[in-house]
Amino acid sequence: MYFTYVLRSQKDGMLYIGYTENLDKRILEHNSGKVKSTKYRIPFELVYFEACRNQNDALHREKYLKSTYGHRYLMNRLKNDIL
C-alpha cells in the first residue's frame, strides 16, 4: 500500500505534498529534520492522506495534488481544517 499525503507546517502554515510506502515513518522523517526540503519548516502535522494500491497511482495522485486543480481540490476538501 502506498500513501499520498499532505502535511501542514505549524511554523509557517504552508503545505507539503508527497507520497510514501510507510506513512508513519515518513512523517517522523519530516518532523526530525531528515528531509532536506522541509527541515526548516518543522514541525508538521498530517492534514490529509489517500491510500493507493500501487506506486504509480500514488505518484500520479501526488502530481495532481501539486497542480492548480489539485490545490483547488485540497483547499475545498480541507477548508474547515486549514482555516
Protein backbone atom coordinates (compact mmCIF):
# COMPACT_ATOMS: atom_id res chain seq x y z
CA MET A 1 0.00 0.00 0.00
CA TYR A 2 1.24 3.50 -0.89
CA PHE A 3 0.05 6.80 0.52
CA THR A 4 -0.23 10.27 -0.94
CA TYR A 5 -0.13 12.72 1.94
CA VAL A 6 -0.39 16.39 2.78
CA LEU A 7 1.46 17.90 5.72
CA ARG A 8 0.95 21.39 7.11
CA SER A 9 3.86 23.22 8.68
CA GLN A 10 2.95 24.54 12.11
CA LYS A 11 5.72 27.09 11.68
CA ASP A 12 4.51 28.85 8.52
CA GLY A 13 1.20 27.15 7.64
CA MET A 14 2.43 26.03 4.22
CA LEU A 15 1.50 22.62 2.81
CA TYR A 16 3.85 19.85 1.70
CA ILE A 17 2.59 17.10 -0.62
CA GLY A 18 4.33 13.76 -1.07
CA TYR A 19 3.90 10.01 -1.33
CA THR A 20 5.39 7.09 0.52
CA GLU A 21 5.01 3.42 1.30
CA ASN A 22 5.33 3.92 5.07
CA LEU A 23 3.35 6.96 6.20
CA ASP A 24 4.27 6.89 9.90
CA LYS A 25 7.99 6.60 9.15
CA ARG A 26 7.86 9.38 6.59
CA ILE A 27 6.12 11.80 8.95
CA LEU A 28 8.78 11.07 11.58
CA GLU A 29 11.48 11.79 8.98
CA HIS A 30 9.87 15.13 8.16
CA ASN A 31 9.50 16.12 11.81
CA SER A 32 13.03 15.09 12.76
CA GLY A 33 14.59 17.26 10.02
CA LYS A 34 15.84 14.36 7.88
CA VAL A 35 14.06 15.63 4.75
CA LYS A 36 16.15 18.34 3.11
CA SER A 37 13.23 20.22 1.54
CA THR A 38 11.26 20.55 4.79
CA LYS A 39 13.80 20.64 7.59
CA TYR A 40 13.48 24.41 8.12
CA ARG A 41 9.68 24.25 8.36
CA ILE A 42 9.20 21.71 11.17
CA PRO A 43 7.04 20.71 12.99
CA PHE A 44 4.44 19.24 10.64
CA GLU A 45 1.01 17.79 11.14
CA LEU A 46 -0.73 15.36 8.82
CA VAL A 47 -3.85 17.02 7.41
CA TYR A 48 -4.80 14.65 4.57
CA PHE A 49 -3.86 11.32 3.06
CA GLU A 50 -5.10 8.84 0.47
CA ALA A 51 -4.20 5.16 0.14
CA CYS A 52 -3.27 3.70 -3.24
CA ARG A 53 -2.70 0.08 -4.18
CA ASN A 54 0.43 0.74 -6.24
CA GLN A 55 3.25 3.24 -6.52
CA ASN A 56 2.26 4.59 -9.94
CA ASP A 57 -1.20 5.58 -8.72
CA ALA A 58 0.25 7.30 -5.64
CA LEU A 59 2.78 9.21 -7.76
CA HIS A 60 0.07 10.24 -10.22
CA ARG A 61 -2.12 11.47 -7.37
CA GLU A 62 0.80 13.42 -5.85
CA LYS A 63 1.42 15.17 -9.17
CA TYR A 64 -2.28 16.01 -9.46
CA LEU A 65 -2.46 17.47 -5.94
CA LYS A 66 0.54 19.68 -6.76
CA SER A 67 -1.23 21.05 -9.85
CA THR A 68 -3.54 24.08 -9.91
CA TYR A 69 -6.65 21.90 -10.00
CA GLY A 70 -5.24 19.69 -7.26
CA HIS A 71 -4.63 22.69 -5.00
CA ARG A 72 -8.23 23.78 -5.55
CA TYR A 73 -9.40 20.28 -4.66
CA LEU A 74 -7.33 20.30 -1.45
CA MET A 75 -8.47 23.76 -0.39
CA ASN A 76 -12.10 22.75 -0.93
CA ARG A 77 -11.58 19.41 0.86
CA LEU A 78 -9.73 20.98 3.79
CA LYS A 79 -11.48 24.35 4.02
CA ASN A 80 -12.65 23.74 7.59
CA ASP A 81 -9.39 22.17 8.75
CA ILE A 82 -6.91 24.68 7.34
CA LEU A 83 -8.69 27.84 8.47
